[in-house]
C-alpha atoms as a PDB file:
ATOM      1  CA  PRO A   1     149.893 146.514 109.923  1.00  0.00           C
ATOM      2  CA  ARG A   2     150.061 149.753 111.936  1.00  0.00           C
ATOM      3  CA  LEU A   3     149.088 148.042 115.166  1.00  0.00           C
ATOM      4  CA  ARG A   4     151.396 145.109 114.690  1.00  0.00           C
ATOM      5  CA  LEU A   5     154.616 146.874 115.734  1.00  0.00           C
ATOM      6  CA  PRO A   6     153.496 148.165 119.135  1.00  0.00           C
ATOM      7  CA  PHE A   7     151.668 144.914 119.939  1.00  0.00           C
ATOM      8  CA  SER A   8     154.678 142.838 118.805  1.00  0.00           C
ATOM      9  CA  MET A   9     156.826 144.819 121.218  1.00  0.00           C
ATOM     10  CA  GLY A  10     154.360 144.234 124.075  1.00  0.00           C
ATOM     11  CA  LEU A  11     153.316 147.900 123.990  1.00  0.00           C
ATOM     12  CA  GLY A  12     149.793 147.500 122.675  1.00  0.00           C
ATOM     13  CA  GLY A  13     146.645 147.742 124.717  1.00  0.00           C
ATOM     14  CA  ARG A  14     143.113 148.977 124.976  1.00  0.00           C
ATOM     15  CA  LEU A  15     142.192 152.602 124.360  1.00  0.00           C
ATOM     16  CA  GLY A  16     140.278 154.410 127.082  1.00  0.00           C
ATOM     17  CA  ASN A  17     138.010 152.046 128.993  1.00  0.00           C
ATOM     18  CA  GLY A  18     138.000 149.627 126.049  1.00  0.00           C
ATOM     19  CA  ARG A  19     134.195 149.301 126.016  1.00  0.00           C
ATOM     20  CA  GLN A  20     133.715 151.170 122.749  1.00  0.00           C
ATOM     21  CA  TRP A  21     132.453 149.091 119.824  1.00  0.00           C
ATOM     22  CA  MET A  22     135.052 148.853 117.085  1.00  0.00           C
ATOM     23  CA  PRO A  23     133.964 147.914 113.560  1.00  0.00           C
ATOM     24  CA  TRP A  24     136.651 146.091 111.594  1.00  0.00           C
ATOM     25  CA  ILE A  25     136.976 144.195 108.319  1.00  0.00           C
ATOM     26  CA  HIS A  26     139.705 142.213 106.586  1.00  0.00           C
ATOM     27  CA  LEU A  27     140.974 143.818 103.362  1.00  0.00           C
ATOM     28  CA  ASP A  28     140.067 140.702 101.377  1.00  0.00           C
ATOM     29  CA  ASP A  29     136.452 141.155 102.482  1.00  0.00           C
ATOM     30  CA  VAL A  30     136.427 144.857 101.544  1.00  0.00           C
ATOM     31  CA  VAL A  31     137.536 143.909  98.027  1.00  0.00           C
ATOM     32  CA  GLY A  32     135.222 140.885  97.976  1.00  0.00           C
ATOM     33  CA  LEU A  33     132.195 142.943  99.035  1.00  0.00           C
ATOM     34  CA  ILE A  34     132.884 145.618  96.421  1.00  0.00           C
ATOM     35  CA  ASP A  35     133.282 142.962  93.736  1.00  0.00           C
ATOM     36  CA  PHE A  36     130.061 141.251  94.881  1.00  0.00           C
ATOM     37  CA  LEU A  37     128.122 144.524  94.736  1.00  0.00           C
ATOM     38  CA  LEU A  38     129.498 145.395  91.277  1.00  0.00           C
ATOM     39  CA  HIS A  39     128.288 142.033  89.961  1.00  0.00           C
ATOM     40  CA  HIS A  40     124.831 142.183  91.492  1.00  0.00           C
ATOM     41  CA  ALA A  41     122.748 144.873  89.800  1.00  0.00           C
ATOM     42  CA  ASP A  42     119.944 144.414  92.328  1.00  0.00           C
ATOM     43  CA  CYS A  43     122.247 145.676  95.118  1.00  0.00           C
ATOM     44  CA  TRP A  44     122.132 149.443  95.408  1.00  0.00           C
ATOM     45  CA  GLY A  45     122.411 152.041  98.155  1.00  0.00           C
ATOM     46  CA  ALA A  46     124.588 152.111 101.249  1.00  0.00           C
ATOM     47  CA  PHE A  47     126.249 148.979 102.599  1.00  0.00           C
ATOM     48  CA  ASN A  48     128.277 148.783 105.813  1.00  0.00           C
ATOM     49  CA  ALA A  49     131.716 147.368 104.978  1.00  0.00           C
ATOM     50  CA  CYS A  50     132.395 145.754 108.345  1.00  0.00           C
ATOM     51  CA  ALA A  51     132.671 142.186 109.610  1.00  0.00           C
ATOM     52  CA  PRO A  52     129.675 140.508 111.221  1.00  0.00           C
ATOM     53  CA  ASP A  53     131.703 139.748 114.373  1.00  0.00           C
ATOM     54  CA  LEU A  54     131.073 142.686 116.727  1.00  0.00           C
ATOM     55  CA  VAL A  55     133.976 143.431 119.059  1.00  0.00           C
ATOM     56  CA  ARG A  56     134.828 146.016 121.642  1.00  0.00           C
ATOM     57  CA  ASN A  57     138.199 147.754 121.690  1.00  0.00           C
ATOM     58  CA  ALA A  58     139.458 145.751 124.686  1.00  0.00           C
ATOM     59  CA  ASP A  59     138.503 142.482 122.979  1.00  0.00           C
ATOM     60  CA  PHE A  60     140.196 143.563 119.761  1.00  0.00           C
ATOM     61  CA  ALA A  61     143.400 144.462 121.659  1.00  0.00           C
ATOM     62  CA  SER A  62     143.505 141.225 123.650  1.00  0.00           C
ATOM     63  CA  THR A  63     142.795 139.133 120.547  1.00  0.00           C
ATOM     64  CA  LEU A  64     145.572 140.849 118.606  1.00  0.00           C
ATOM     65  CA  ALA A  65     148.008 140.388 121.517  1.00  0.00           C
ATOM     66  CA  ALA A  66     147.063 136.685 121.784  1.00  0.00           C
ATOM     67  CA  THR A  67     147.419 136.185 118.013  1.00  0.00           C
ATOM     68  CA  LEU A  68     150.919 137.683 118.175  1.00  0.00           C
ATOM     69  CA  ARG A  69     151.642 135.667 121.339  1.00  0.00           C
ATOM     70  CA  ARG A  70     152.515 138.820 123.234  1.00  0.00           C
ATOM     71  CA  PRO A  71     151.407 140.094 126.643  1.00  0.00           C
ATOM     72  CA  MET A  72     149.079 143.057 126.896  1.00  0.00           C
ATOM     73  CA  PHE A  73     149.927 145.121 129.947  1.00  0.00           C
ATOM     74  CA  LEU A  74     149.281 148.660 128.800  1.00  0.00           C
ATOM     75  CA  SER A  75     146.233 150.739 128.164  1.00  0.00           C
ATOM     76  CA  VAL A  76     146.049 154.330 127.028  1.00  0.00           C
ATOM     77  CA  PRO A  77     143.828 156.428 129.310  1.00  0.00           C
ATOM     78  CA  ALA A  78     141.169 158.485 127.548  1.00  0.00           C
ATOM     79  CA  TRP A  79     142.538 161.765 128.931  1.00  0.00           C
ATOM     80  CA  VAL A  80     145.935 161.081 127.333  1.00  0.00           C
ATOM     81  CA  LEU A  81     144.314 160.558 123.949  1.00  0.00           C
ATOM     82  CA  ARG A  82     142.211 163.709 124.389  1.00  0.00           C
ATOM     83  CA  MET A  83     145.283 165.763 125.305  1.00  0.00           C
ATOM     84  CA  ALA A  84     147.369 164.373 122.448  1.00  0.00           C
ATOM     85  CA  LEU A  85     144.733 164.269 119.708  1.00  0.00           C
ATOM     86  CA  GLY A  86     142.137 166.846 120.742  1.00  0.00           C
ATOM     87  CA  GLU A  87     138.917 166.468 118.772  1.00  0.00           C
ATOM     88  CA  MET A  88     140.396 163.609 116.743  1.00  0.00           C
ATOM     89  CA  SER A  89     140.421 161.452 119.894  1.00  0.00           C
ATOM     90  CA  VAL A  90     136.737 160.754 119.301  1.00  0.00           C
ATOM     91  CA  LEU A  91     137.825 158.526 116.378  1.00  0.00           C
ATOM     92  CA  LEU A  92     139.525 156.225 118.876  1.00  0.00           C
ATOM     93  CA  LEU A  93     137.253 156.639 121.880  1.00  0.00           C
ATOM     94  CA  GLY A  94     133.907 156.817 120.107  1.00  0.00           C
ATOM     95  CA  SER A  95     131.765 153.756 119.665  1.00  0.00           C
ATOM     96  CA  GLN A  96     130.035 152.523 116.533  1.00  0.00           C
ATOM     97  CA  ARG A  97     128.133 149.273 116.628  1.00  0.00           C
ATOM     98  CA  LEU A  98     127.844 148.627 112.915  1.00  0.00           C
ATOM     99  CA  GLN A  99     126.497 145.447 111.387  1.00  0.00           C
ATOM    100  CA  PRO A 100     126.720 144.362 107.751  1.00  0.00           C
ATOM    101  CA  ARG A 101     122.997 143.545 107.672  1.00  0.00           C
ATOM    102  CA  ARG A 102     122.412 144.403 103.994  1.00  0.00           C
ATOM    103  CA  ALA A 103     125.551 142.581 102.860  1.00  0.00           C
ATOM    104  CA  LEU A 104     124.419 139.425 104.640  1.00  0.00           C
ATOM    105  CA  GLU A 105     120.816 139.766 103.425  1.00  0.00           C
ATOM    106  CA  THR A 106     121.955 140.013  99.808  1.00  0.00           C
ATOM    107  CA  GLY A 107     124.038 136.842 100.120  1.00  0.00           C
ATOM    108  CA  TYR A 108     127.601 138.065 100.542  1.00  0.00           C
ATOM    109  CA  ARG A 109     129.682 135.463 102.371  1.00  0.00           C
ATOM    110  CA  PHE A 110     132.567 136.856 104.378  1.00  0.00           C
ATOM    111  CA  ARG A 111     135.897 135.129 103.937  1.00  0.00           C
ATOM    112  CA  PHE A 112     136.959 136.302 107.403  1.00  0.00           C
ATOM    113  CA  PRO A 113     133.770 136.627 109.480  1.00  0.00           C
ATOM    114  CA  ASN A 114     135.487 136.633 112.875  1.00  0.00           C
ATOM    115  CA  LEU A 115     138.411 138.515 114.297  1.00  0.00           C
ATOM    116  CA  GLU A 116     140.580 135.529 115.226  1.00  0.00           C
ATOM    117  CA  GLU A 117     140.473 134.153 111.657  1.00  0.00           C
ATOM    118  CA  ALA A 118     141.133 137.582 110.155  1.00  0.00           C
ATOM    119  CA  LEU A 119     144.180 138.274 112.339  1.00  0.00           C
ATOM    120  CA  ALA A 120     145.558 134.789 111.766  1.00  0.00           C
ATOM    121  CA  GLY A 121     145.049 135.288 108.031  1.00  0.00           C
ATOM    122  CA  LEU A 122     147.006 138.543 108.136  1.00  0.00           C
ATOM    123  CA  LEU A 123     149.890 136.841 109.913  1.00  0.00           C
ATOM    124  CA  VAL A 124     150.007 134.148 107.242  1.00  0.00           C
ATOM    125  CA  GLN A 125     149.968 136.833 104.528  1.00  0.00           C
ATOM    126  CA  ASP A 126     152.874 138.624 106.234  1.00  0.00           C
ATOM    127  CA  LYS A 127     154.906 135.405 106.292  1.00  0.00           C
ATOM    128  CA  HIS A 128     154.060 134.541 102.681  1.00  0.00           C
ATOM    129  CA  PRO A 129     153.502 137.809 100.804  1.00  0.00           C
ATOM    130  CA  VAL A 130     152.007 137.641  97.359  1.00  0.00           C
ATOM    131  CA  THR A 131     154.071 139.447  94.743  1.00  0.00           C
ATOM    132  CA  ARG A 132     152.105 141.427  92.231  1.00  0.00           C
END
């Protein structure tokens, strides 16, 4: 939701050189994984809550722009992020290549295993919100 506005306006883009790995996960899979773990007593310890589809920042940005049918012209240079955010810039420029190995080994099946499906699912949810 936070990235949708700038990308919808054609102002979204990659951060830094865009080569940093960017773990992501659909909210439905976060909830699904937690529910799965709570109902399987044999699952204990740390689990990476991230999708199995590994993407780099540039790929994430271009996929989001394509999903929204918007161009992607801009990128934010690393030095701008460092100047604006200081030490916090490492959260956007750092790279983490996480894999949900234990979740997959224990049998969890992701509802949104790849980025394209996840972003398309979010757009559908935005058009048809569920009232609670």
